[in-house]
Amino acid sequence: MNTTAGFSDYVRAFADMIAEEHREKVEEPDIKDEELQKITARTLIVAGQHDMVRKEETDHIASCIKGAREIIVRCATHTSYVVHSDRLAEMILRFIGIQRSAEN
């Protein structure tokens, strides 16, 4: 029996359940398209696969910002990629064009 796969399935189901419960309470992101379209800086949009913000909303935000790059982090919730900040840091560094050395 593969307990790792079973645990991953449990975590994924739990994250989905929590996200679904919070979706009903969350009115965000409440950002107007016009506000997003004013953003001119290079923009990286990061969300978790099991994020409380629906992928369609994340896609829409990214589509409103000219040239934005979107990353959906596999097996992540709204905060898990932040909890694993090294993973997030690597995404950001790659986005801005900095390669970490093996020593970092």
C-alpha atoms as a PDB file:
ATOM      1  CA  MET A   1       0.000   0.000   0.000  1.00  0.00           C
ATOM      2  CA  ASN A   2       1.325   3.413  -0.964  1.00  0.00           C
ATOM      3  CA  THR A   3       0.671   5.547   2.109  1.00  0.00           C
ATOM      4  CA  THR A   4       2.199   8.645   0.505  1.00  0.00           C
ATOM      5  CA  ALA A   5      -0.382   8.596  -2.282  1.00  0.00           C
ATOM      6  CA  GLY A   6      -3.167   8.024   0.235  1.00  0.00           C
ATOM      7  CA  PHE A   7      -1.989  10.924   2.357  1.00  0.00           C
ATOM      8  CA  SER A   8      -1.704  13.190  -0.698  1.00  0.00           C
ATOM      9  CA  ASP A   9      -5.266  12.308  -1.686  1.00  0.00           C
ATOM     10  CA  TYR A  10      -6.425  13.088   1.857  1.00  0.00           C
ATOM     11  CA  VAL A  11      -4.642  16.463   1.903  1.00  0.00           C
ATOM     12  CA  ARG A  12      -6.034  17.347  -1.543  1.00  0.00           C
ATOM     13  CA  ALA A  13      -9.598  16.433  -0.491  1.00  0.00           C
ATOM     14  CA  PHE A  14      -9.243  18.372   2.759  1.00  0.00           C
ATOM     15  CA  ALA A  15      -7.870  21.441   0.951  1.00  0.00           C
ATOM     16  CA  ASP A  16     -10.727  21.299  -1.562  1.00  0.00           C
ATOM     17  CA  MET A  17     -13.273  21.063   1.258  1.00  0.00           C
ATOM     18  CA  ILE A  18     -11.810  24.058   3.119  1.00  0.00           C
ATOM     19  CA  ALA A  19     -11.518  26.101  -0.075  1.00  0.00           C
ATOM     20  CA  GLU A  20     -15.133  25.372  -1.001  1.00  0.00           C
ATOM     21  CA  GLU A  21     -16.333  26.425   2.467  1.00  0.00           C
ATOM     22  CA  HIS A  22     -14.449  29.708   2.225  1.00  0.00           C
ATOM     23  CA  ARG A  23     -15.458  30.474  -1.359  1.00  0.00           C
ATOM     24  CA  GLU A  24     -18.964  31.249  -0.174  1.00  0.00           C
ATOM     25  CA  LYS A  25     -17.651  33.759   2.380  1.00  0.00           C
ATOM     26  CA  VAL A  26     -15.021  35.408   0.210  1.00  0.00           C
ATOM     27  CA  GLU A  27     -16.108  38.271  -1.990  1.00  0.00           C
ATOM     28  CA  GLU A  28     -12.603  38.742  -3.275  1.00  0.00           C
ATOM     29  CA  PRO A  29     -10.899  39.310  -5.478  1.00  0.00           C
ATOM     30  CA  ASP A  30     -12.990  42.429  -5.859  1.00  0.00           C
ATOM     31  CA  ILE A  31     -10.745  44.179  -8.341  1.00  0.00           C
ATOM     32  CA  LYS A  32     -12.222  46.042 -11.257  1.00  0.00           C
ATOM     33  CA  ASP A  33     -10.921  45.173 -14.721  1.00  0.00           C
ATOM     34  CA  GLU A  34     -10.117  48.852 -15.308  1.00  0.00           C
ATOM     35  CA  GLU A  35      -7.834  48.844 -12.251  1.00  0.00           C
ATOM     36  CA  LEU A  36      -6.034  45.716 -13.410  1.00  0.00           C
ATOM     37  CA  GLN A  37      -5.607  47.111 -16.914  1.00  0.00           C
ATOM     38  CA  LYS A  38      -3.721  50.110 -15.487  1.00  0.00           C
ATOM     39  CA  ILE A  39      -0.924  47.876 -14.204  1.00  0.00           C
ATOM     40  CA  THR A  40       2.130  48.324 -16.406  1.00  0.00           C
ATOM     41  CA  ALA A  41       4.795  46.584 -14.311  1.00  0.00           C
ATOM     42  CA  ARG A  42       5.866  43.038 -15.114  1.00  0.00           C
ATOM     43  CA  THR A  43       3.420  40.937 -13.134  1.00  0.00           C
ATOM     44  CA  LEU A  44       3.513  37.396 -11.820  1.00  0.00           C
ATOM     45  CA  ILE A  45       0.187  35.945 -10.696  1.00  0.00           C
ATOM     46  CA  VAL A  46       0.587  32.939  -8.379  1.00  0.00           C
ATOM     47  CA  ALA A  47      -2.232  30.750  -7.084  1.00  0.00           C
ATOM     48  CA  GLY A  48      -2.566  27.242  -5.721  1.00  0.00           C
ATOM     49  CA  GLN A  49      -4.265  24.403  -7.577  1.00  0.00           C
ATOM     50  CA  HIS A  50      -6.618  24.082  -4.600  1.00  0.00           C
ATOM     51  CA  ASP A  51      -6.797  27.812  -3.961  1.00  0.00           C
ATOM     52  CA  MET A  52      -9.878  29.422  -2.456  1.00  0.00           C
ATOM     53  CA  VAL A  53      -9.774  31.847  -5.388  1.00  0.00           C
ATOM     54  CA  ARG A  54     -11.143  29.934  -8.358  1.00  0.00           C
ATOM     55  CA  LYS A  55      -8.838  29.312 -11.308  1.00  0.00           C
ATOM     56  CA  GLU A  56     -11.276  31.139 -13.599  1.00  0.00           C
ATOM     57  CA  GLU A  57     -10.873  34.252 -11.436  1.00  0.00           C
ATOM     58  CA  THR A  58      -7.093  33.904 -11.403  1.00  0.00           C
ATOM     59  CA  ASP A  59      -7.090  33.456 -15.193  1.00  0.00           C
ATOM     60  CA  HIS A  60      -9.253  36.555 -15.557  1.00  0.00           C
ATOM     61  CA  ILE A  61      -6.946  38.656 -13.391  1.00  0.00           C
ATOM     62  CA  ALA A  62      -3.941  37.549 -15.436  1.00  0.00           C
ATOM     63  CA  SER A  63      -5.746  38.241 -18.703  1.00  0.00           C
ATOM     64  CA  CYS A  64      -6.505  41.828 -17.651  1.00  0.00           C
ATOM     65  CA  ILE A  65      -2.851  42.664 -17.006  1.00  0.00           C
ATOM     66  CA  LYS A  66      -0.907  43.069 -20.236  1.00  0.00           C
ATOM     67  CA  GLY A  67       1.925  40.548 -20.371  1.00  0.00           C
ATOM     68  CA  ALA A  68       1.194  39.023 -16.953  1.00  0.00           C
ATOM     69  CA  ARG A  69       2.526  35.555 -16.300  1.00  0.00           C
ATOM     70  CA  GLU A  70       0.375  33.130 -14.332  1.00  0.00           C
ATOM     71  CA  ILE A  71       1.570  30.146 -12.323  1.00  0.00           C
ATOM     72  CA  ILE A  72      -0.810  27.649 -10.758  1.00  0.00           C
ATOM     73  CA  VAL A  73       1.135  25.714  -8.131  1.00  0.00           C
ATOM     74  CA  ARG A  74       0.270  22.004  -8.205  1.00  0.00           C
ATOM     75  CA  CYS A  75      -1.094  20.484  -5.002  1.00  0.00           C
ATOM     76  CA  ALA A  76      -1.068  23.883  -3.270  1.00  0.00           C
ATOM     77  CA  THR A  77      -3.771  25.737  -1.371  1.00  0.00           C
ATOM     78  CA  HIS A  78      -4.143  29.502  -0.967  1.00  0.00           C
ATOM     79  CA  THR A  79      -1.256  29.668   1.494  1.00  0.00           C
ATOM     80  CA  SER A  80       0.788  26.488   1.120  1.00  0.00           C
ATOM     81  CA  TYR A  81       3.159  27.948  -1.462  1.00  0.00           C
ATOM     82  CA  VAL A  82       3.822  30.821   0.940  1.00  0.00           C
ATOM     83  CA  VAL A  83       4.431  28.414   3.809  1.00  0.00           C
ATOM     84  CA  HIS A  84       7.005  26.783   1.525  1.00  0.00           C
ATOM     85  CA  SER A  85       8.609  30.139   0.812  1.00  0.00           C
ATOM     86  CA  ASP A  86      11.698  28.647  -0.852  1.00  0.00           C
ATOM     87  CA  ARG A  87       9.429  27.314  -3.581  1.00  0.00           C
ATOM     88  CA  LEU A  88       7.791  30.736  -3.995  1.00  0.00           C
ATOM     89  CA  ALA A  89      11.150  32.510  -3.931  1.00  0.00           C
ATOM     90  CA  GLU A  90      12.400  30.276  -6.732  1.00  0.00           C
ATOM     91  CA  MET A  91       9.354  31.127  -8.874  1.00  0.00           C
ATOM     92  CA  ILE A  92       9.847  34.846  -8.300  1.00  0.00           C
ATOM     93  CA  LEU A  93      13.575  34.727  -8.974  1.00  0.00           C
ATOM     94  CA  ARG A  94      12.998  32.841 -12.226  1.00  0.00           C
ATOM     95  CA  PHE A  95      10.338  35.376 -13.206  1.00  0.00           C
ATOM     96  CA  ILE A  96      12.678  38.317 -12.704  1.00  0.00           C
ATOM     97  CA  GLY A  97      15.516  36.482 -14.429  1.00  0.00           C
ATOM     98  CA  ILE A  98      17.775  35.610 -11.527  1.00  0.00           C
ATOM     99  CA  GLN A  99      19.218  32.116 -11.337  1.00  0.00           C
ATOM    100  CA  ARG A 100      20.162  30.852  -7.890  1.00  0.00           C
ATOM    101  CA  SER A 101      23.529  29.252  -7.513  1.00  0.00           C
ATOM    102  CA  ALA A 102      23.848  25.884  -5.824  1.00  0.00           C
ATOM    103  CA  GLU A 103      25.241  27.690  -2.766  1.00  0.00           C
ATOM    104  CA  ASN A 104      22.073  29.781  -2.280  1.00  0.00           C
END
